[in-house]
Amino acid sequence: LLLLLPCLLTASHSPPGCRIRITSKGLDLVKQEGLRFVEQELQNITVPDLHGKEGPFHYNISQVKVTDLQLAFSDLHFQPQQHLVFNIDNASISLRFRRQLLYWFFYDIGSVNASADGVHIHTVLQLAKDRAGRLKISNVTCNASIAMMRAGFSGTLRKVYEFLSTFIVSGMRFLLSQQICPSLEHASLVLLNSLLDTVPVRNYVDEHIGIDYSLLRDPVVSTDTLDLDFKGMFFSRAREEEELENHAVEPVIKETERMVYVAFSEYFFDSAMHAYYQAGVLAIELEGEKVPKDLEVLLRATFFGTIFMLSPTVDAPLRLVLQVSSPPRCVIKPSGISISVSAFLNISLVPPDRPAVQLSSMAVEIKLSAKVFLQGKALRVQLDLRRFRIYSKELALESLALFSLQVPLKTLLQLTIMPIINERTKKGVQIPLPEGMDFTNEVVTNHAGFLTVGADLHFSKGLREVIEKYRPAPPANPSPVEPSADPHQL
C-alpha cells in the first residue's frame, strides 16, 4: 500500500489540459444576472391557502400573489472550499390575496394588499463534480426570515379583520417564509443545473476528432477565485477510448484583474494534433493539374534522367503526397508558440492504367508558428510557415540534388497547403462555458509550457432565456381546484 500511494496521489492530481478561473469581478457580473433570475423565481412563489376559526369567525385566505419585490441589498461571494454564498438583506415583498369571512349570517369577500418587510435570505450553494465530470450544484442550504408582515383590510367588516389580523398576518408570515427556500432550492438544483448542462463535456469537434472537457476534480474555491480543472484532451473518433498521457507543465494562473482566465497547456494542443494523426487526416495529395506548373517543370527537370529511363511514362502526371510521419509537437514559450512537424514527401509518376512509379521519397522537417485567439467563446489557431527543410532518407548525394527544390516546395506549402490547414482550424473549438455567456476584451499571454487568455464576460442571452429553453418538463398534475365562493364550504 505504501508503494502504491505515490502512484495513487499522482493519478488523483493529474495536471489539467485546460484550467478556468472565475474571479470576484466575474462573480459580480453573475450576481447582476442572477439577481434578476431570483426576483423572477420569487415572484412565482405559490403560497398555500390559509383558513381557520376564531370563536364565531370563519376566515379563508387564498389566491396569494406576489405583486412586487424590492431586493435592495444583495451579495454573492466565494466561500472556501467549494461554496458560493448568496445573501439578501432587508428586502420587501408585496402581496395581494383573496379574503373570505363568515360571521354568523354575515359573509364578506374581497382582496387585501399586504407586505412582508425585513426579509432576510441566506443561501449557500455547494459546487461539485458529478459522475459525468460536469460542474453541478450538489447541495443547497437556505434560511429565510421575515421581520414584519402588514396587511391592509377594508370593507364593512374591517373592524372584524383587525381583530383577526394577528392570526391572519402571523399565518401569512409563516407560510410565506416557508415557501422562499423551497423555491430557491428548486431554482438551484433543477433550473441552474439545467444551465450547467449546456457546458460541453465530451463532444465532437468535427468528423475526425472530439474533445473531453470533463472535470478532473471538484472546484477549488478561495475567497477571491473559483478554479476549475478540465481534462482538456482531444481524441480521435475512431479511437475514442484511447487517452494520451499528460506530461506537460501544469498551467498556473496568478492574475485576478479580469473577470475570467482560461489557461491551456501544451498537452491541450498536442492531444489535438495527436488525435488528427490517429485519424489519418494529416496528409495532403496533389496530382496532375493541382501541381503548380512551375513546380512541375522543375520536378521533371530534377528527375529528368529517371523519367527518361522510364519511357514511355515521360508525359505521365506527377503526384505529390505530403504525409506527417509522427504526431506534431507544440512548444509554448513567452516569446511565442511553435509547432514541429516531421513528414515525408513522395513524388511519383502516375501513368494511366499503370502502377505509379515513385521518383523520390524525402524526409521533411517543418516548423510552424501559431497565433491563438478567441472569438466569442471559440478558441482558434492561425498557423504560419517558419522553416522548411527536405533531405533524402537514404543518400546524401540525393539530398544535394534536392537542394534546388527547397524554395519551390516551401512556396508550394506556403501558398497551397497552409491555407487548407488554416481553413480547417478556422472553426475553432468551444471553451467550456454555459450557453449565453461569451468572452470580450481578450488578451493572450504566453508562458513557459502554457498560455493564458484573460477576458471579461458578457451575457449574450439572459439566464431566464437559456433556462426556459432547457427547463425540465413539469410532472403531469391535475389542475388546482379554484376556491369556492360558497360560505358554507369555509
Protein backbone atom coordinates (compact mmCIF):
# COMPACT_ATOMS: atom_id res chain seq x y z
CA LEU A 1 0.00 0.00 0.00
CA LEU A 2 2.83 2.42 0.83
CA LEU A 3 4.50 1.66 -2.51
CA LEU A 4 1.25 2.30 -4.40
CA LEU A 5 0.42 5.50 -2.52
CA PRO A 6 2.64 7.84 -4.65
CA CYS A 7 1.04 6.44 -7.83
CA LEU A 8 -2.45 7.00 -6.44
CA LEU A 9 -1.63 10.55 -5.42
CA THR A 10 -0.21 11.28 -8.89
CA ALA A 11 -3.35 9.89 -10.56
CA SER A 12 -5.68 11.93 -8.35
CA HIS A 13 -3.72 15.14 -9.08
CA SER A 14 -3.08 14.75 -12.80
CA PRO A 15 -2.41 18.15 -14.40
CA PRO A 16 -5.25 19.71 -16.37
CA GLY A 17 -5.01 20.46 -20.06
CA CYS A 18 -7.35 23.41 -19.50
CA ARG A 19 -7.95 25.46 -16.36
CA ILE A 20 -10.58 28.17 -15.91
CA ARG A 21 -10.51 30.77 -13.16
CA ILE A 22 -13.51 32.97 -12.34
CA THR A 23 -12.60 35.98 -10.23
CA SER A 24 -14.64 38.19 -7.90
CA LYS A 25 -15.14 40.64 -10.78
CA GLY A 26 -16.69 37.89 -12.84
CA LEU A 27 -18.86 36.90 -9.89
CA ASP A 28 -20.19 40.47 -9.68
CA LEU A 29 -21.49 40.18 -13.24
CA VAL A 30 -23.01 36.79 -12.48
CA LYS A 31 -24.69 38.34 -9.41
CA GLN A 32 -26.38 41.02 -11.50
CA GLU A 33 -27.83 38.47 -13.91
CA GLY A 34 -28.58 36.01 -11.10
CA LEU A 35 -30.45 38.62 -9.06
CA ARG A 36 -32.88 39.19 -11.91
CA PHE A 37 -33.39 35.45 -12.08
CA VAL A 38 -34.02 35.22 -8.30
CA GLU A 39 -36.57 38.04 -8.49
CA GLN A 40 -38.46 36.19 -11.20
CA GLU A 41 -38.42 32.98 -9.17
CA LEU A 42 -39.67 34.66 -6.00
CA GLN A 43 -42.47 36.35 -7.95
CA ASN A 44 -43.73 32.87 -8.85
CA ILE A 45 -43.93 31.65 -5.26
CA THR A 46 -47.05 29.63 -4.57
CA VAL A 47 -48.42 30.21 -1.05
CA PRO A 48 -50.99 27.68 0.19
CA ASP A 49 -54.43 28.80 1.36
CA LEU A 50 -54.84 29.88 4.95
CA HIS A 51 -58.10 29.16 6.74
CA GLY A 52 -59.18 28.89 10.34
CA LYS A 53 -61.72 29.71 13.03
CA GLU A 54 -61.58 32.12 15.94
CA GLY A 55 -64.75 31.99 18.03
CA PRO A 56 -67.68 32.64 15.71
CA PHE A 57 -65.42 33.87 12.92
CA HIS A 58 -64.51 31.63 9.97
CA TYR A 59 -61.87 33.02 7.62
CA ASN A 60 -60.18 31.87 4.42
CA ILE A 61 -57.19 33.47 2.65
CA SER A 62 -56.50 32.23 -0.89
CA GLN A 63 -55.04 33.15 -4.29
CA VAL A 64 -51.91 34.72 -2.80
CA LYS A 65 -49.88 36.50 -5.48
CA VAL A 66 -46.55 38.31 -5.26
CA THR A 67 -47.03 41.72 -6.88
CA ASP A 68 -43.67 43.39 -6.26
CA LEU A 69 -40.20 42.74 -4.84
CA GLN A 70 -37.58 45.14 -3.59
CA LEU A 71 -34.23 43.36 -3.19
CA ALA A 72 -32.20 46.38 -2.15
CA PHE A 73 -29.20 44.68 -0.54
CA SER A 74 -27.73 41.52 -2.05
CA ASP A 75 -24.35 39.86 -2.06
CA LEU A 76 -22.78 36.90 -3.87
CA HIS A 77 -19.32 35.79 -2.80
CA PHE A 78 -16.98 32.80 -2.72
CA GLN A 79 -16.64 30.69 0.41
CA PRO A 80 -13.78 28.17 0.63
CA GLN A 81 -13.60 25.32 -0.15
CA GLN A 82 -16.45 24.59 -2.60
CA HIS A 83 -19.22 27.09 -1.94
CA LEU A 84 -20.98 30.17 -3.25
CA VAL A 85 -22.90 32.26 -0.72
CA PHE A 86 -25.88 34.38 -1.77
CA ASN A 87 -27.37 36.83 0.74
CA ILE A 88 -30.39 39.12 0.51
CA ASP A 89 -30.95 41.57 3.37
CA ASN A 90 -33.79 43.95 4.27
CA ALA A 91 -35.87 43.04 1.23
CA SER A 92 -39.62 43.63 0.91
CA ILE A 93 -42.27 41.52 -0.79
CA SER A 94 -45.68 42.94 -1.72
CA LEU A 95 -48.62 40.55 -1.84
CA ARG A 96 -52.25 40.52 -2.86
CA PHE A 97 -54.71 37.83 -1.79
CA ARG A 98 -58.40 37.00 -1.71
CA ARG A 99 -60.23 37.11 1.63
CA GLN A 100 -63.41 35.38 2.75
CA LEU A 101 -65.08 35.84 6.15
CA LEU A 102 -68.18 34.25 7.64
CA TYR A 103 -69.57 35.72 10.90
CA TRP A 104 -72.92 34.27 11.84
CA PHE A 105 -75.04 35.27 8.86
CA PHE A 106 -72.66 37.92 7.58
CA TYR A 107 -70.47 37.00 4.64
CA ASP A 108 -67.67 39.18 3.26
CA ILE A 109 -65.35 38.69 0.25
CA GLY A 110 -62.68 40.90 -1.30
CA SER A 111 -58.98 41.49 -1.94
CA VAL A 112 -56.28 42.51 0.50
CA ASN A 113 -52.86 44.08 -0.10
CA ALA A 114 -50.07 43.03 2.23
CA SER A 115 -46.32 43.47 2.53
CA ALA A 116 -43.51 41.47 4.09
CA ASP A 117 -40.68 43.72 5.27
CA GLY A 118 -37.22 42.97 6.59
CA VAL A 119 -36.90 39.81 4.51
CA HIS A 120 -33.57 38.06 5.01
CA ILE A 121 -32.41 35.13 2.83
CA HIS A 122 -29.12 33.29 3.34
CA THR A 123 -28.31 30.63 0.72
CA VAL A 124 -25.17 28.50 0.40
CA LEU A 125 -24.58 26.59 -2.85
CA GLN A 126 -22.17 23.67 -2.75
CA LEU A 127 -20.36 23.03 -6.04
CA ALA A 128 -19.03 19.62 -7.04
CA LYS A 129 -18.07 17.41 -9.97
CA ASP A 130 -20.74 14.88 -10.90
CA ARG A 131 -20.14 11.40 -12.32
CA ALA A 132 -20.06 12.69 -15.89
CA GLY A 133 -17.36 15.20 -14.95
CA ARG A 134 -19.69 18.20 -15.18
CA LEU A 135 -19.87 21.04 -12.66
CA LYS A 136 -23.08 20.85 -10.66
CA ILE A 137 -24.75 22.40 -7.63
CA SER A 138 -24.75 19.36 -5.37
CA ASN A 139 -26.42 20.81 -2.28
CA VAL A 140 -28.24 23.94 -1.14
CA THR A 141 -28.51 25.28 2.41
CA CYS A 142 -31.09 28.01 2.84
CA ASN A 143 -32.52 30.10 5.69
CA ALA A 144 -35.25 32.71 5.26
CA SER A 145 -36.93 35.01 7.76
CA ILE A 146 -39.42 37.90 7.71
CA ALA A 147 -39.10 40.64 10.32
CA MET A 148 -42.58 42.15 9.89
CA MET A 149 -45.79 41.42 7.99
CA ARG A 150 -48.51 44.01 7.40
CA ALA A 151 -51.93 43.76 5.78
CA GLY A 152 -54.47 46.50 5.00
CA PHE A 153 -58.08 45.38 5.40
CA SER A 154 -61.11 47.39 4.31
CA GLY A 155 -64.85 46.91 3.89
CA THR A 156 -67.87 46.61 6.16
CA LEU A 157 -66.17 44.02 8.37
CA ARG A 158 -62.88 45.91 8.64
CA LYS A 159 -63.08 46.00 12.45
CA VAL A 160 -63.55 42.25 12.49
CA TYR A 161 -60.47 41.74 10.26
CA GLU A 162 -58.45 44.00 12.50
CA PHE A 163 -59.43 41.68 15.35
CA LEU A 164 -58.35 38.67 13.30
CA SER A 165 -55.31 40.35 11.73
CA THR A 166 -52.95 38.95 14.36
CA PHE A 167 -53.86 35.40 13.41
CA ILE A 168 -54.04 36.06 9.67
CA VAL A 169 -50.82 38.09 9.42
CA SER A 170 -48.88 35.64 11.59
CA GLY A 171 -50.11 32.75 9.46
CA MET A 172 -49.27 34.52 6.23
CA ARG A 173 -45.81 35.41 7.52
CA PHE A 174 -45.15 31.78 8.42
CA LEU A 175 -46.47 30.39 5.13
CA LEU A 176 -44.52 32.90 3.00
CA SER A 177 -41.23 32.32 4.82
CA GLN A 178 -41.72 28.56 4.38
CA GLN A 179 -42.03 28.93 0.58
CA ILE A 180 -38.94 31.06 -0.10
CA CYS A 181 -36.27 28.40 0.45
CA PRO A 182 -38.02 25.57 -1.47
CA SER A 183 -38.38 27.97 -4.41
CA LEU A 184 -34.67 28.86 -4.35
CA GLU A 185 -33.64 25.23 -3.84
CA HIS A 186 -35.64 24.21 -6.91
CA ALA A 187 -34.16 27.14 -8.86
CA SER A 188 -30.64 25.99 -7.93
CA LEU A 189 -30.79 22.19 -8.04
CA VAL A 190 -33.06 21.96 -11.08
CA LEU A 191 -33.03 25.16 -13.11
CA LEU A 192 -29.43 26.35 -12.64
CA ASN A 193 -28.18 22.78 -13.05
CA SER A 194 -30.03 22.63 -16.37
CA LEU A 195 -27.99 25.71 -17.35
CA LEU A 196 -24.77 23.95 -16.33
CA ASP A 197 -25.84 21.02 -18.51
CA THR A 198 -25.20 23.27 -21.53
CA VAL A 199 -21.46 23.26 -20.78
CA PRO A 200 -19.79 20.86 -23.26
CA VAL A 201 -18.17 17.90 -21.51
CA ARG A 202 -17.41 15.37 -24.25
CA ASN A 203 -18.46 16.37 -27.72
CA TYR A 204 -17.30 16.16 -31.32
CA VAL A 205 -15.29 18.98 -32.89
CA ASP A 206 -15.61 17.75 -36.49
CA GLU A 207 -15.96 14.46 -38.38
CA HIS A 208 -12.49 13.36 -37.26
CA ILE A 209 -11.92 14.33 -33.62
CA GLY A 210 -13.70 15.22 -30.39
CA ILE A 211 -12.73 16.83 -27.10
CA ASP A 212 -13.08 15.79 -23.47
CA TYR A 213 -13.78 18.71 -21.14
CA SER A 214 -14.68 16.61 -18.09
CA LEU A 215 -13.64 17.98 -14.72
CA LEU A 216 -10.73 16.20 -13.12
CA ARG A 217 -11.76 17.11 -9.58
CA ASP A 218 -14.13 19.24 -7.53
CA PRO A 219 -13.74 23.01 -7.97
CA VAL A 220 -11.32 24.84 -5.71
CA VAL A 221 -12.78 27.99 -4.17
CA SER A 222 -10.80 30.68 -2.39
CA THR A 223 -12.08 33.97 -1.03
CA ASP A 224 -11.46 35.66 -4.41
CA THR A 225 -11.43 32.94 -7.06
CA LEU A 226 -13.01 29.74 -8.32
CA ASP A 227 -10.71 27.36 -10.23
CA LEU A 228 -11.93 24.55 -12.48
CA ASP A 229 -9.53 21.88 -13.79
CA PHE A 230 -10.63 20.23 -17.04
CA LYS A 231 -9.01 17.26 -18.76
CA GLY A 232 -8.75 19.27 -21.99
CA MET A 233 -7.90 16.26 -24.16
CA PHE A 234 -8.76 15.74 -27.83
CA PHE A 235 -9.44 12.23 -29.08
CA SER A 236 -9.84 10.51 -32.42
CA ARG A 237 -13.43 9.49 -33.13
CA ALA A 238 -12.08 6.21 -34.44
CA ARG A 239 -10.37 5.53 -31.08
CA GLU A 240 -12.49 7.30 -28.53
CA GLU A 241 -11.32 5.25 -25.55
CA GLU A 242 -7.62 5.92 -26.09
CA GLU A 243 -6.08 8.54 -23.82
CA LEU A 244 -2.88 10.49 -24.30
CA GLU A 245 -0.90 10.68 -21.08
CA ASN A 246 -0.30 14.21 -19.86
CA HIS A 247 3.36 15.04 -19.20
CA ALA A 248 3.02 18.77 -19.81
CA VAL A 249 3.57 21.60 -17.36
CA GLU A 250 0.55 22.35 -15.17
CA PRO A 251 -0.96 25.76 -16.04
CA VAL A 252 -0.64 28.31 -13.25
CA ILE A 253 -2.97 31.33 -13.10
CA LYS A 254 -1.86 34.13 -10.80
CA GLU A 255 -3.82 37.05 -12.22
CA THR A 256 -7.17 38.27 -10.84
CA GLU A 257 -7.68 41.58 -12.68
CA ARG A 258 -10.03 40.21 -15.37
CA MET A 259 -13.40 38.52 -14.86
CA VAL A 260 -12.16 35.17 -16.14
CA TYR A 261 -8.90 33.48 -17.11
CA VAL A 262 -8.51 30.38 -19.25
CA ALA A 263 -5.17 28.53 -19.34
CA PHE A 264 -4.16 25.90 -21.90
CA SER A 265 -1.09 23.70 -21.52
CA GLU A 266 0.99 22.23 -24.36
CA TYR A 267 -0.90 19.00 -23.73
CA PHE A 268 -4.12 20.62 -24.97
CA PHE A 269 -2.62 21.32 -28.39
CA ASP A 270 -0.50 18.15 -28.52
CA SER A 271 -3.58 15.99 -27.95
CA ALA A 272 -5.39 17.77 -30.80
CA MET A 273 -2.56 17.04 -33.24
CA HIS A 274 -2.19 13.50 -31.90
CA ALA A 275 -5.92 12.89 -32.45
CA TYR A 276 -5.75 14.16 -36.03
CA TYR A 277 -2.68 11.99 -36.60
CA GLN A 278 -4.55 8.92 -35.28
CA ALA A 279 -7.49 9.80 -37.53
CA GLY A 280 -5.13 9.63 -40.52
CA VAL A 281 -6.00 13.05 -41.92
CA LEU A 282 -2.59 14.75 -41.65
CA ALA A 283 -1.83 14.13 -45.30
CA ILE A 284 -2.34 16.15 -48.48
CA GLU A 285 -2.15 14.81 -52.03
CA LEU A 286 -1.67 16.89 -55.20
CA GLU A 287 -1.88 15.24 -58.62
CA GLY A 288 -1.93 16.32 -62.22
CA GLU A 289 -3.31 19.83 -62.71
CA LYS A 290 -3.29 20.52 -58.96
CA VAL A 291 0.52 20.61 -59.03
CA PRO A 292 1.65 24.18 -59.86
CA LYS A 293 3.06 24.36 -63.41
CA ASP A 294 6.38 25.96 -62.43
CA LEU A 295 6.97 23.30 -59.79
CA GLU A 296 6.08 20.53 -62.23
CA VAL A 297 8.64 21.78 -64.75
CA LEU A 298 11.29 21.95 -62.02
CA LEU A 299 10.46 18.46 -60.76
CA ARG A 300 10.62 16.98 -64.24
CA ALA A 301 13.99 18.67 -64.79
CA THR A 302 15.28 17.40 -61.44
CA PHE A 303 14.27 13.81 -62.13
CA PHE A 304 14.86 14.03 -65.94
CA GLY A 305 17.18 11.05 -66.11
CA THR A 306 14.89 8.82 -64.08
CA ILE A 307 11.83 9.85 -66.09
CA PHE A 308 13.67 9.36 -69.39
CA MET A 309 14.72 5.85 -68.37
CA LEU A 310 11.09 5.09 -67.57
CA SER A 311 9.89 5.94 -71.09
CA PRO A 312 7.06 5.89 -72.28
CA THR A 313 5.89 7.41 -68.98
CA VAL A 314 7.61 10.75 -69.68
CA ASP A 315 4.27 12.56 -70.11
CA ALA A 316 2.54 10.85 -67.17
CA PRO A 317 1.04 13.17 -64.50
CA LEU A 318 3.01 13.88 -61.34
CA ARG A 319 1.71 13.07 -57.85
CA LEU A 320 2.94 14.72 -54.64
CA VAL A 321 1.95 13.19 -51.30
CA LEU A 322 2.90 15.07 -48.12
CA GLN A 323 2.18 12.91 -45.05
CA VAL A 324 3.00 13.57 -41.40
CA SER A 325 5.11 10.70 -40.07
CA SER A 326 4.61 11.27 -36.32
CA PRO A 327 2.31 13.39 -34.13
CA PRO A 328 3.39 17.06 -34.27
CA ARG A 329 4.61 18.67 -31.05
CA CYS A 330 3.76 22.06 -29.62
CA VAL A 331 6.17 24.21 -27.61
CA ILE A 332 4.89 27.29 -25.79
CA LYS A 333 7.42 29.91 -24.68
CA PRO A 334 6.98 33.51 -23.54
CA SER A 335 8.36 34.53 -26.94
CA GLY A 336 5.73 32.59 -28.90
CA ILE A 337 4.23 29.24 -29.89
CA SER A 338 5.91 26.85 -32.31
CA ILE A 339 4.85 23.52 -33.75
CA SER A 340 7.36 20.96 -35.03
CA VAL A 341 6.21 18.61 -37.79
CA SER A 342 8.07 15.61 -39.21
CA ALA A 343 6.77 14.31 -42.52
CA PHE A 344 7.77 12.61 -45.75
CA LEU A 345 7.15 13.74 -49.29
CA ASN A 346 6.67 11.14 -52.01
CA ILE A 347 6.97 12.24 -55.63
CA SER A 348 5.61 9.79 -58.20
CA LEU A 349 4.56 9.46 -61.81
CA VAL A 350 1.05 8.09 -62.31
CA PRO A 351 0.71 6.86 -65.90
CA PRO A 352 -2.85 5.97 -66.93
CA ASP A 353 -3.81 2.34 -66.36
CA ARG A 354 -0.39 1.52 -64.93
CA PRO A 355 1.03 1.35 -61.39
CA ALA A 356 2.50 4.55 -60.00
CA VAL A 357 6.29 4.93 -60.34
CA GLN A 358 7.99 6.55 -57.35
CA LEU A 359 10.68 9.08 -58.26
CA SER A 360 11.72 10.11 -54.77
CA SER A 361 10.82 9.82 -51.11
CA MET A 362 12.27 12.56 -48.97
CA ALA A 363 12.07 13.49 -45.31
CA VAL A 364 10.60 16.86 -44.42
CA GLU A 365 11.05 18.96 -41.30
CA ILE A 366 8.60 21.82 -40.83
CA LYS A 367 8.47 24.47 -38.12
CA LEU A 368 5.23 26.44 -37.80
CA SER A 369 4.42 29.44 -35.65
CA ALA A 370 0.96 29.61 -34.09
CA LYS A 371 -1.20 32.52 -33.06
CA VAL A 372 -4.03 31.72 -30.64
CA PHE A 373 -7.05 33.99 -30.27
CA LEU A 374 -10.64 33.91 -29.09
CA GLN A 375 -13.80 34.83 -30.96
CA GLY A 376 -16.97 34.60 -28.88
CA LYS A 377 -16.04 31.53 -26.91
CA ALA A 378 -14.34 29.64 -29.73
CA LEU A 379 -10.58 29.14 -29.43
CA ARG A 380 -8.92 29.47 -32.82
CA VAL A 381 -5.39 28.95 -34.13
CA GLN A 382 -3.73 30.69 -37.08
CA LEU A 383 -0.62 28.89 -38.41
CA ASP A 384 2.28 30.33 -40.37
CA LEU A 385 5.23 28.53 -42.01
CA ARG A 386 8.58 29.49 -40.49
CA ARG A 387 11.06 26.81 -41.54
CA PHE A 388 11.10 24.08 -44.19
CA ARG A 389 13.83 21.54 -44.88
CA ILE A 390 13.93 18.46 -47.11
CA TYR A 391 16.60 15.76 -47.29
CA SER A 392 16.95 12.26 -48.63
CA LYS A 393 16.23 9.46 -46.23
CA GLU A 394 18.86 7.31 -47.93
CA LEU A 395 21.57 9.13 -49.91
CA ALA A 396 23.48 12.27 -49.02
CA LEU A 397 24.11 12.97 -52.73
CA GLU A 398 20.39 12.89 -53.38
CA SER A 399 19.92 15.49 -50.62
CA LEU A 400 22.26 17.77 -52.54
CA ALA A 401 20.27 17.15 -55.71
CA LEU A 402 17.09 18.07 -53.87
CA PHE A 403 18.53 21.37 -52.63
CA SER A 404 17.12 23.19 -55.65
CA LEU A 405 13.61 22.02 -54.66
CA GLN A 406 13.80 23.59 -51.21
CA VAL A 407 12.45 27.04 -52.11
CA PRO A 408 9.74 25.97 -54.61
CA LEU A 409 8.41 23.29 -52.29
CA LYS A 410 8.34 25.78 -49.41
CA THR A 411 6.42 28.18 -51.65
CA LEU A 412 4.01 25.38 -52.54
CA LEU A 413 3.45 24.69 -48.86
CA GLN A 414 3.03 28.39 -48.07
CA LEU A 415 0.61 29.23 -50.87
CA THR A 416 -1.29 25.99 -51.41
CA ILE A 417 -1.26 23.80 -48.33
CA MET A 418 -1.17 26.31 -45.44
CA PRO A 419 -4.48 27.94 -46.49
CA ILE A 420 -6.11 24.49 -46.48
CA ILE A 421 -4.83 23.81 -42.95
CA ASN A 422 -5.90 27.23 -41.66
CA GLU A 423 -9.33 26.76 -43.16
CA ARG A 424 -9.66 23.60 -41.05
CA THR A 425 -8.64 25.42 -37.85
CA LYS A 426 -10.85 28.43 -38.63
CA LYS A 427 -13.90 26.97 -36.90
CA GLY A 428 -12.01 26.55 -33.64
CA VAL A 429 -13.14 24.68 -30.55
CA GLN A 430 -15.60 25.84 -27.92
CA ILE A 431 -14.35 26.72 -24.44
CA PRO A 432 -16.46 25.12 -21.68
CA LEU A 433 -18.82 27.97 -20.75
CA PRO A 434 -22.61 27.78 -20.33
CA GLU A 435 -24.79 28.79 -23.25
CA GLY A 436 -25.48 32.52 -23.40
CA MET A 437 -22.12 33.52 -21.88
CA ASP A 438 -19.28 34.85 -24.08
CA PHE A 439 -15.85 36.46 -23.75
CA THR A 440 -14.95 40.08 -24.54
CA ASN A 441 -11.71 42.12 -24.40
CA GLU A 442 -9.48 39.05 -24.65
CA VAL A 443 -5.73 39.21 -24.04
CA VAL A 444 -3.49 36.18 -24.77
CA THR A 445 -0.26 35.78 -22.78
CA ASN A 446 2.34 33.07 -23.40
CA HIS A 447 4.21 31.43 -20.55
CA ALA A 448 6.70 28.57 -20.28
CA GLY A 449 4.67 25.48 -21.20
CA PHE A 450 1.20 27.08 -21.26
CA LEU A 451 -0.73 30.16 -22.32
CA THR A 452 -3.48 32.15 -20.60
CA VAL A 453 -6.40 34.08 -22.02
CA GLY A 454 -7.68 36.86 -19.78
CA ALA A 455 -11.11 38.22 -20.66
CA ASP A 456 -14.28 39.82 -19.41
CA LEU A 457 -17.66 38.09 -19.54
CA HIS A 458 -20.75 39.09 -21.43
CA PHE A 459 -24.25 37.63 -21.32
CA SER A 460 -25.45 37.33 -24.91
CA LYS A 461 -28.58 35.63 -23.53
CA GLY A 462 -30.25 36.06 -20.16
CA LEU A 463 -30.29 33.25 -17.61
CA ARG A 464 -34.08 33.06 -17.89
CA GLU A 465 -33.94 32.70 -21.68
CA VAL A 466 -31.46 29.82 -21.56
CA ILE A 467 -33.15 28.11 -18.60
CA GLU A 468 -36.56 28.28 -20.24
CA LYS A 469 -35.04 26.67 -23.32
CA TYR A 470 -33.71 23.72 -21.28
CA ARG A 471 -36.25 23.71 -18.41
CA PRO A 472 -37.23 20.13 -17.46
CA ALA A 473 -40.81 19.27 -18.33
CA PRO A 474 -43.04 19.54 -15.21
CA PRO A 475 -44.77 16.38 -13.99
CA ALA A 476 -48.35 15.93 -15.02
CA ASN A 477 -50.54 17.19 -12.15
CA PRO A 478 -54.28 17.67 -12.02
CA SER A 479 -55.43 21.26 -12.34
CA PRO A 480 -55.81 23.01 -8.98
CA VAL A 481 -59.37 23.46 -7.80
CA GLU A 482 -60.45 27.06 -7.57
CA PRO A 483 -61.54 28.12 -4.05
CA SER A 484 -65.29 28.12 -3.62
CA ALA A 485 -67.26 31.31 -3.03
CA ASP A 486 -69.83 29.32 -1.08
CA PRO A 487 -69.54 30.46 2.56
CA HIS A 488 -70.81 27.08 3.82
CA GLN A 489 -67.62 25.50 2.46
CA LEU A 490 -65.38 27.75 4.50
